[in-house]
């Protein structure tokens, strides 16, 4: 279940500045987080959907690598982003 254009534009506007700034690290991480939450809710209902579970693990790995890159290059931006998204405790 992909993100709608309106949802994607609103997420990018919130985290990347503009809806057309799809290349920013913050925007990419926010979009991945949104997809991860959608897939997680799908998997709670469909526990035996193993191919979707594999895709979820790939998305989590991609988000983790982008977060590591952001942490190395912009520590304050990293801290602000994880606080906004609520992904680290």
PDB file of N, CA and C in Angstrom:
ATOM      1  N   UNK A   1       0.842  -1.162   0.000  1.00  0.00           N
ATOM      2  CA  UNK A   1       0.000   0.000   0.000  1.00  0.00           C
ATOM      3  C   UNK A   1       0.902   1.246   0.000  1.00  0.00           C
ATOM      4  N   UNK A   2       1.095   1.873  -1.181  1.00  0.00           N
ATOM      5  CA  UNK A   2       1.992   3.026  -1.263  1.00  0.00           C
ATOM      6  C   UNK A   2       1.382   4.282  -0.638  1.00  0.00           C
ATOM      7  N   UNK A   3       2.243   5.239  -0.391  1.00  0.00           N
ATOM      8  CA  UNK A   3       1.797   6.518   0.142  1.00  0.00           C
ATOM      9  C   UNK A   3       1.078   7.305  -0.949  1.00  0.00           C
ATOM     10  N   UNK A   4       0.053   8.033  -0.585  1.00  0.00           N
ATOM     11  CA  UNK A   4      -0.637   8.876  -1.551  1.00  0.00           C
ATOM     12  C   UNK A   4       0.201  10.122  -1.818  1.00  0.00           C
ATOM     13  N   UNK A   5      -0.088  10.790  -2.920  1.00  0.00           N
ATOM     14  CA  UNK A   5       0.655  11.995  -3.279  1.00  0.00           C
ATOM     15  C   UNK A   5       0.500  13.082  -2.225  1.00  0.00           C
ATOM     16  N   UNK A   6      -0.704  13.212  -1.696  1.00  0.00           N
ATOM     17  CA  UNK A   6      -0.958  14.250  -0.695  1.00  0.00           C
ATOM     18  C   UNK A   6      -0.192  13.966   0.591  1.00  0.00           C
ATOM     19  N   UNK A   7      -0.183  12.699   1.020  1.00  0.00           N
ATOM     20  CA  UNK A   7       0.522  12.332   2.244  1.00  0.00           C
ATOM     21  C   UNK A   7       2.028  12.529   2.077  1.00  0.00           C
ATOM     22  N   UNK A   8       2.545  12.118   0.909  1.00  0.00           N
ATOM     23  CA  UNK A   8       3.968  12.274   0.641  1.00  0.00           C
ATOM     24  C   UNK A   8       4.359  13.747   0.613  1.00  0.00           C
ATOM     25  N   UNK A   9       3.524  14.589  -0.007  1.00  0.00           N
ATOM     26  CA  UNK A   9       3.810  16.017  -0.068  1.00  0.00           C
ATOM     27  C   UNK A   9       3.772  16.650   1.314  1.00  0.00           C
ATOM     28  N   UNK A  10       2.838  16.218   2.144  1.00  0.00           N
ATOM     29  CA  UNK A  10       2.757  16.803   3.485  1.00  0.00           C
ATOM     30  C   UNK A  10       3.954  16.382   4.347  1.00  0.00           C
ATOM     31  N   UNK A  11       4.386  15.144   4.220  1.00  0.00           N
ATOM     32  CA  UNK A  11       5.552  14.680   4.979  1.00  0.00           C
ATOM     33  C   UNK A  11       6.804  15.422   4.529  1.00  0.00           C
ATOM     34  N   UNK A  12       6.962  15.574   3.213  1.00  0.00           N
ATOM     35  CA  UNK A  12       8.130  16.285   2.704  1.00  0.00           C
ATOM     36  C   UNK A  12       8.111  17.755   3.090  1.00  0.00           C
ATOM     37  N   UNK A  13       6.946  18.369   3.087  1.00  0.00           N
ATOM     38  CA  UNK A  13       6.850  19.768   3.490  1.00  0.00           C
ATOM     39  C   UNK A  13       7.231  19.931   4.955  1.00  0.00           C
ATOM     40  N   UNK A  14       6.813  18.992   5.778  1.00  0.00           N
ATOM     41  CA  UNK A  14       7.105  19.068   7.210  1.00  0.00           C
ATOM     42  C   UNK A  14       8.588  18.882   7.505  1.00  0.00           C
ATOM     43  N   UNK A  15       9.220  17.908   6.857  1.00  0.00           N
ATOM     44  CA  UNK A  15      10.577  17.537   7.239  1.00  0.00           C
ATOM     45  C   UNK A  15      11.657  18.037   6.279  1.00  0.00           C
ATOM     46  N   UNK A  16      11.338  18.215   4.989  1.00  0.00           N
ATOM     47  CA  UNK A  16      12.363  18.598   4.019  1.00  0.00           C
ATOM     48  C   UNK A  16      12.277  20.064   3.618  1.00  0.00           C
ATOM     49  N   UNK A  17      11.248  20.762   4.034  1.00  0.00           N
ATOM     50  CA  UNK A  17      11.115  22.173   3.687  1.00  0.00           C
ATOM     51  C   UNK A  17      10.092  22.409   2.600  1.00  0.00           C
ATOM     52  N   UNK A  18      10.252  21.771   1.450  1.00  0.00           N
ATOM     53  CA  UNK A  18       9.288  21.906   0.362  1.00  0.00           C
ATOM     54  C   UNK A  18       8.870  20.514  -0.110  1.00  0.00           C
ATOM     55  N   UNK A  19       7.754  20.473  -0.824  1.00  0.00           N
ATOM     56  CA  UNK A  19       7.235  19.189  -1.297  1.00  0.00           C
ATOM     57  C   UNK A  19       8.074  18.619  -2.434  1.00  0.00           C
ATOM     58  N   UNK A  20       8.869  19.453  -3.102  1.00  0.00           N
ATOM     59  CA  UNK A  20       9.676  18.981  -4.225  1.00  0.00           C
ATOM     60  C   UNK A  20      11.092  18.596  -3.809  1.00  0.00           C
ATOM     61  N   UNK A  21      11.446  18.785  -2.556  1.00  0.00           N
ATOM     62  CA  UNK A  21      12.790  18.469  -2.068  1.00  0.00           C
ATOM     63  C   UNK A  21      12.852  17.005  -1.635  1.00  0.00           C
ATOM     64  N   UNK A  22      12.763  16.111  -2.606  1.00  0.00           N
ATOM     65  CA  UNK A  22      12.711  14.682  -2.299  1.00  0.00           C
ATOM     66  C   UNK A  22      14.083  14.091  -2.028  1.00  0.00           C
ATOM     67  N   UNK A  23      15.150  14.804  -2.324  1.00  0.00           N
ATOM     68  CA  UNK A  23      16.493  14.271  -2.149  1.00  0.00           C
ATOM     69  C   UNK A  23      17.094  14.523  -0.788  1.00  0.00           C
ATOM     70  N   UNK A  24      16.459  15.334   0.036  1.00  0.00           N
ATOM     71  CA  UNK A  24      17.039  15.626   1.347  1.00  0.00           C
ATOM     72  C   UNK A  24      16.994  14.384   2.230  1.00  0.00           C
ATOM     73  N   UNK A  25      18.019  14.238   3.039  1.00  0.00           N
ATOM     74  CA  UNK A  25      18.114  13.075   3.911  1.00  0.00           C
ATOM     75  C   UNK A  25      16.946  13.048   4.900  1.00  0.00           C
ATOM     76  N   UNK A  26      16.604  14.212   5.450  1.00  0.00           N
ATOM     77  CA  UNK A  26      15.515  14.274   6.422  1.00  0.00           C
ATOM     78  C   UNK A  26      14.194  13.838   5.793  1.00  0.00           C
ATOM     79  N   UNK A  27      13.948  14.288   4.563  1.00  0.00           N
ATOM     80  CA  UNK A  27      12.727  13.906   3.863  1.00  0.00           C
ATOM     81  C   UNK A  27      12.674  12.420   3.560  1.00  0.00           C
ATOM     82  N   UNK A  28      13.808  11.857   3.143  1.00  0.00           N
ATOM     83  CA  UNK A  28      13.852  10.429   2.844  1.00  0.00           C
ATOM     84  C   UNK A  28      13.596   9.601   4.097  1.00  0.00           C
ATOM     85  N   UNK A  29      14.196  10.004   5.209  1.00  0.00           N
ATOM     86  CA  UNK A  29      14.012   9.270   6.457  1.00  0.00           C
ATOM     87  C   UNK A  29      12.556   9.365   6.913  1.00  0.00           C
ATOM     88  N   UNK A  30      11.951  10.536   6.765  1.00  0.00           N
ATOM     89  CA  UNK A  30      10.560  10.712   7.167  1.00  0.00           C
ATOM     90  C   UNK A  30       9.630   9.856   6.305  1.00  0.00           C
ATOM     91  N   UNK A  31       9.885   9.794   5.005  1.00  0.00           N
ATOM     92  CA  UNK A  31       9.057   8.960   4.130  1.00  0.00           C
ATOM     93  C   UNK A  31       9.218   7.475   4.467  1.00  0.00           C
ATOM     94  N   UNK A  32      10.450   7.059   4.727  1.00  0.00           N
ATOM     95  CA  UNK A  32      10.665   5.663   5.107  1.00  0.00           C
ATOM     96  C   UNK A  32       9.959   5.341   6.423  1.00  0.00           C
ATOM     97  N   UNK A  33       9.992   6.272   7.364  1.00  0.00           N
ATOM     98  CA  UNK A  33       9.320   6.055   8.640  1.00  0.00           C
ATOM     99  C   UNK A  33       7.821   5.916   8.447  1.00  0.00           C
ATOM    100  N   UNK A  34       7.248   6.710   7.573  1.00  0.00           N
ATOM    101  CA  UNK A  34       5.813   6.628   7.294  1.00  0.00           C
ATOM    102  C   UNK A  34       5.452   5.282   6.670  1.00  0.00           C
ATOM    103  N   UNK A  35       6.267   4.830   5.713  1.00  0.00           N
ATOM    104  CA  UNK A  35       6.015   3.526   5.089  1.00  0.00           C
ATOM    105  C   UNK A  35       6.188   2.388   6.084  1.00  0.00           C
ATOM    106  N   UNK A  36       7.183   2.505   6.952  1.00  0.00           N
ATOM    107  CA  UNK A  36       7.421   1.472   7.957  1.00  0.00           C
ATOM    108  C   UNK A  36       6.230   1.354   8.893  1.00  0.00           C
ATOM    109  N   UNK A  37       5.663   2.484   9.292  1.00  0.00           N
ATOM    110  CA  UNK A  37       4.503   2.424  10.186  1.00  0.00           C
ATOM    111  C   UNK A  37       3.288   1.816   9.485  1.00  0.00           C
ATOM    112  N   UNK A  38       3.106   2.123   8.196  1.00  0.00           N
ATOM    113  CA  UNK A  38       1.995   1.520   7.455  1.00  0.00           C
ATOM    114  C   UNK A  38       2.163   0.010   7.333  1.00  0.00           C
ATOM    115  N   UNK A  39       3.371  -0.419   7.003  1.00  0.00           N
ATOM    116  CA  UNK A  39       3.618  -1.851   6.827  1.00  0.00           C
ATOM    117  C   UNK A  39       3.509  -2.577   8.163  1.00  0.00           C
ATOM    118  N   UNK A  40       3.941  -1.934   9.239  1.00  0.00           N
ATOM    119  CA  UNK A  40       3.838  -2.553  10.560  1.00  0.00           C
ATOM    120  C   UNK A  40       2.385  -2.797  10.942  1.00  0.00           C
ATOM    121  N   UNK A  41       1.522  -1.827  10.652  1.00  0.00           N
ATOM    122  CA  UNK A  41       0.107  -2.031  10.965  1.00  0.00           C
ATOM    123  C   UNK A  41      -0.495  -3.130  10.087  1.00  0.00           C
ATOM    124  N   UNK A  42      -0.039  -3.249   8.846  1.00  0.00           N
ATOM    125  CA  UNK A  42      -0.498  -4.323   7.971  1.00  0.00           C
ATOM    126  C   UNK A  42      -0.071  -5.682   8.516  1.00  0.00           C
ATOM    127  N   UNK A  43       1.158  -5.745   9.011  1.00  0.00           N
ATOM    128  CA  UNK A  43       1.669  -7.025   9.501  1.00  0.00           C
ATOM    129  C   UNK A  43       1.043  -7.443  10.824  1.00  0.00           C
ATOM    130  N   UNK A  44       0.513  -6.506  11.578  1.00  0.00           N
ATOM    131  CA  UNK A  44      -0.189  -6.878  12.806  1.00  0.00           C
ATOM    132  C   UNK A  44      -1.475  -7.636  12.491  1.00  0.00           C
ATOM    133  N   UNK A  45      -2.100  -7.316  11.363  1.00  0.00           N
ATOM    134  CA  UNK A  45      -3.316  -8.011  10.951  1.00  0.00           C
ATOM    135  C   UNK A  45      -3.005  -9.287  10.185  1.00  0.00           C
ATOM    136  N   UNK A  46      -1.911  -9.286   9.407  1.00  0.00           N
ATOM    137  CA  UNK A  46      -1.547 -10.413   8.551  1.00  0.00           C
ATOM    138  C   UNK A  46      -0.205 -10.975   9.013  1.00  0.00           C
ATOM    139  N   UNK A  47      -0.241 -11.799  10.018  1.00  0.00           N
ATOM    140  CA  UNK A  47       0.988 -12.262  10.662  1.00  0.00           C
ATOM    141  C   UNK A  47       1.811 -13.202   9.782  1.00  0.00           C
ATOM    142  N   UNK A  48       1.211 -13.853   8.813  1.00  0.00           N
ATOM    143  CA  UNK A  48       1.944 -14.815   7.995  1.00  0.00           C
ATOM    144  C   UNK A  48       2.381 -14.248   6.642  1.00  0.00           C
ATOM    145  N   UNK A  49       2.348 -12.958   6.496  1.00  0.00           N
ATOM    146  CA  UNK A  49       2.780 -12.316   5.258  1.00  0.00           C
ATOM    147  C   UNK A  49       4.292 -12.096   5.317  1.00  0.00           C
ATOM    148  N   UNK A  50       5.036 -13.142   4.976  1.00  0.00           N
ATOM    149  CA  UNK A  50       6.479 -13.125   5.176  1.00  0.00           C
ATOM    150  C   UNK A  50       7.208 -12.279   4.140  1.00  0.00           C
ATOM    151  N   UNK A  51       6.672 -12.180   2.923  1.00  0.00           N
ATOM    152  CA  UNK A  51       7.345 -11.359   1.912  1.00  0.00           C
ATOM    153  C   UNK A  51       7.268  -9.878   2.280  1.00  0.00           C
ATOM    154  N   UNK A  52       6.159  -9.455   2.851  1.00  0.00           N
ATOM    155  CA  UNK A  52       6.048  -8.075   3.310  1.00  0.00           C
ATOM    156  C   UNK A  52       6.959  -7.838   4.507  1.00  0.00           C
ATOM    157  N   UNK A  53       7.122  -8.843   5.345  1.00  0.00           N
ATOM    158  CA  UNK A  53       8.031  -8.726   6.492  1.00  0.00           C
ATOM    159  C   UNK A  53       9.465  -8.525   6.015  1.00  0.00           C
ATOM    160  N   UNK A  54       9.843  -9.223   4.950  1.00  0.00           N
ATOM    161  CA  UNK A  54      11.185  -9.057   4.398  1.00  0.00           C
ATOM    162  C   UNK A  54      11.360  -7.648   3.856  1.00  0.00           C
ATOM    163  N   UNK A  55      10.346  -7.133   3.166  1.00  0.00           N
ATOM    164  CA  UNK A  55      10.409  -5.765   2.663  1.00  0.00           C
ATOM    165  C   UNK A  55      10.508  -4.749   3.792  1.00  0.00           C
ATOM    166  N   UNK A  56       9.807  -5.012   4.893  1.00  0.00           N
ATOM    167  CA  UNK A  56       9.890  -4.137   6.063  1.00  0.00           C
ATOM    168  C   UNK A  56      11.308  -4.110   6.621  1.00  0.00           C
ATOM    169  N   UNK A  57      11.938  -5.263   6.706  1.00  0.00           N
ATOM    170  CA  UNK A  57      13.304  -5.322   7.219  1.00  0.00           C
ATOM    171  C   UNK A  57      14.271  -4.565   6.309  1.00  0.00           C
ATOM    172  N   UNK A  58      14.044  -4.598   4.998  1.00  0.00           N
ATOM    173  CA  UNK A  58      14.881  -3.851   4.071  1.00  0.00           C
ATOM    174  C   UNK A  58      14.699  -2.352   4.274  1.00  0.00           C
ATOM    175  N   UNK A  59      13.456  -1.917   4.479  1.00  0.00           N
ATOM    176  CA  UNK A  59      13.201  -0.498   4.713  1.00  0.00           C
ATOM    177  C   UNK A  59      13.830  -0.024   6.012  1.00  0.00           C
ATOM    178  N   UNK A  60      13.761  -0.855   7.044  1.00  0.00           N
ATOM    179  CA  UNK A  60      14.365  -0.497   8.324  1.00  0.00           C
ATOM    180  C   UNK A  60      15.879  -0.374   8.174  1.00  0.00           C
ATOM    181  N   UNK A  61      16.493  -1.273   7.419  1.00  0.00           N
ATOM    182  CA  UNK A  61      17.935  -1.203   7.178  1.00  0.00           C
ATOM    183  C   UNK A  61      18.328   0.030   6.401  1.00  0.00           C
ATOM    184  N   UNK A  62      17.528   0.380   5.404  1.00  0.00           N
ATOM    185  CA  UNK A  62      17.794   1.584   4.615  1.00  0.00           C
ATOM    186  C   UNK A  62      17.685   2.832   5.485  1.00  0.00           C
ATOM    187  N   UNK A  63      16.643   2.885   6.325  1.00  0.00           N
ATOM    188  CA  UNK A  63      16.479   4.032   7.217  1.00  0.00           C
ATOM    189  C   UNK A  63      17.635   4.114   8.206  1.00  0.00           C
ATOM    190  N   UNK A  64      18.086   2.977   8.689  1.00  0.00           N
ATOM    191  CA  UNK A  64      19.196   2.963   9.633  1.00  0.00           C
ATOM    192  C   UNK A  64      20.469   3.502   9.002  1.00  0.00           C
ATOM    193  N   UNK A  65      20.741   3.122   7.768  1.00  0.00           N
ATOM    194  CA  UNK A  65      21.947   3.616   7.107  1.00  0.00           C
ATOM    195  C   UNK A  65      21.853   5.114   6.833  1.00  0.00           C
ATOM    196  N   UNK A  66      20.668   5.607   6.470  1.00  0.00           N
ATOM    197  CA  UNK A  66      20.500   7.044   6.270  1.00  0.00           C
ATOM    198  C   UNK A  66      20.640   7.807   7.583  1.00  0.00           C
ATOM    199  N   UNK A  67      20.123   7.229   8.676  1.00  0.00           N
ATOM    200  CA  UNK A  67      20.273   7.863   9.985  1.00  0.00           C
ATOM    201  C   UNK A  67      21.734   7.900  10.416  1.00  0.00           C
ATOM    202  N   UNK A  68      22.489   6.838  10.129  1.00  0.00           N
ATOM    203  CA  UNK A  68      23.915   6.832  10.451  1.00  0.00           C
ATOM    204  C   UNK A  68      24.654   7.908   9.673  1.00  0.00           C
ATOM    205  N   UNK A  69      24.312   8.066   8.395  1.00  0.00           N
ATOM    206  CA  UNK A  69      24.925   9.112   7.572  1.00  0.00           C
ATOM    207  C   UNK A  69      24.609  10.491   8.141  1.00  0.00           C
ATOM    208  N   UNK A  70      23.364  10.713   8.491  1.00  0.00           N
ATOM    209  CA  UNK A  70      22.964  12.007   9.039  1.00  0.00           C
ATOM    210  C   UNK A  70      23.645  12.266  10.373  1.00  0.00           C
ATOM    211  N   UNK A  71      23.789  11.251  11.184  1.00  0.00           N
ATOM    212  CA  UNK A  71      24.435  11.412  12.486  1.00  0.00           C
ATOM    213  C   UNK A  71      25.903  11.792  12.328  1.00  0.00           C
ATOM    214  N   UNK A  72      26.580  11.215  11.336  1.00  0.00           N
ATOM    215  CA  UNK A  72      27.988  11.526  11.120  1.00  0.00           C
ATOM    216  C   UNK A  72      28.185  12.932  10.570  1.00  0.00           C
ATOM    217  N   UNK A  73      27.256  13.401   9.729  1.00  0.00           N
ATOM    218  CA  UNK A  73      27.451  14.671   9.035  1.00  0.00           C
ATOM    219  C   UNK A  73      26.734  15.861   9.664  1.00  0.00           C
ATOM    220  N   UNK A  74      25.648  15.613  10.392  1.00  0.00           N
ATOM    221  CA  UNK A  74      24.867  16.720  10.962  1.00  0.00           C
ATOM    222  C   UNK A  74      24.219  16.227  12.251  1.00  0.00           C
ATOM    223  N   UNK A  75      24.979  16.284  13.333  1.00  0.00           N
ATOM    224  CA  UNK A  75      24.509  15.708  14.593  1.00  0.00           C
ATOM    225  C   UNK A  75      23.298  16.448  15.147  1.00  0.00           C
ATOM    226  N   UNK A  76      23.270  17.766  15.055  1.00  0.00           N
ATOM    227  CA  UNK A  76      22.115  18.512  15.576  1.00  0.00           C
ATOM    228  C   UNK A  76      20.866  18.224  14.752  1.00  0.00           C
ATOM    229  N   UNK A  77      21.017  18.128  13.432  1.00  0.00           N
ATOM    230  CA  UNK A  77      19.882  17.783  12.583  1.00  0.00           C
ATOM    231  C   UNK A  77      19.376  16.383  12.866  1.00  0.00           C
ATOM    232  N   UNK A  78      20.305  15.476  13.153  1.00  0.00           N
ATOM    233  CA  UNK A  78      19.937  14.100  13.500  1.00  0.00           C
ATOM    234  C   UNK A  78      19.112  14.077  14.781  1.00  0.00           C
ATOM    235  N   UNK A  79      19.569  14.801  15.786  1.00  0.00           N
ATOM    236  CA  UNK A  79      18.856  14.817  17.064  1.00  0.00           C
ATOM    237  C   UNK A  79      17.475  15.440  16.934  1.00  0.00           C
ATOM    238  N   UNK A  80      17.366  16.497  16.144  1.00  0.00           N
ATOM    239  CA  UNK A  80      16.064  17.136  15.940  1.00  0.00           C
ATOM    240  C   UNK A  80      15.117  16.206  15.195  1.00  0.00           C
ATOM    241  N   UNK A  81      15.644  15.501  14.198  1.00  0.00           N
ATOM    242  CA  UNK A  81      14.793  14.621  13.394  1.00  0.00           C
ATOM    243  C   UNK A  81      14.271  13.440  14.203  1.00  0.00           C
ATOM    244  N   UNK A  82      15.128  12.797  14.986  1.00  0.00           N
ATOM    245  CA  UNK A  82      14.647  11.655  15.758  1.00  0.00           C
ATOM    246  C   UNK A  82      13.679  12.096  16.844  1.00  0.00           C
ATOM    247  N   UNK A  83      13.830  13.319  17.323  1.00  0.00           N
ATOM    248  CA  UNK A  83      12.874  13.837  18.302  1.00  0.00           C
ATOM    249  C   UNK A  83      11.515  14.088  17.657  1.00  0.00           C
ATOM    250  N   UNK A  84      11.523  14.658  16.438  1.00  0.00           N
ATOM    251  CA  UNK A  84      10.264  14.920  15.727  1.00  0.00           C
ATOM    252  C   UNK A  84       9.555  13.618  15.360  1.00  0.00           C
ATOM    253  N   UNK A  85      10.331  12.648  14.870  1.00  0.00           N
ATOM    254  CA  UNK A  85       9.738  11.392  14.422  1.00  0.00           C
ATOM    255  C   UNK A  85       9.427  10.453  15.577  1.00  0.00           C
ATOM    256  N   UNK A  86      10.142  10.603  16.677  1.00  0.00           N
ATOM    257  CA  UNK A  86       9.906   9.730  17.821  1.00  0.00           C
ATOM    258  C   UNK A  86      10.354   8.300  17.571  1.00  0.00           C
ATOM    259  N   UNK A  87      11.494   8.123  16.903  1.00  0.00           N
ATOM    260  CA  UNK A  87      11.915   6.761  16.565  1.00  0.00           C
ATOM    261  C   UNK A  87      12.964   6.206  17.496  1.00  0.00           C
ATOM    262  N   UNK A  88      13.629   7.038  18.256  1.00  0.00           N
ATOM    263  CA  UNK A  88      14.593   6.553  19.253  1.00  0.00           C
ATOM    264  C   UNK A  88      14.075   6.905  20.626  1.00  0.00           C
ATOM    265  N   UNK A  89      14.282   6.036  21.557  1.00  0.00           N
ATOM    266  CA  UNK A  89      13.798   6.283  22.911  1.00  0.00           C
ATOM    267  C   UNK A  89      14.918   6.762  23.795  1.00  0.00           C
TER     268      UNK A  89
END
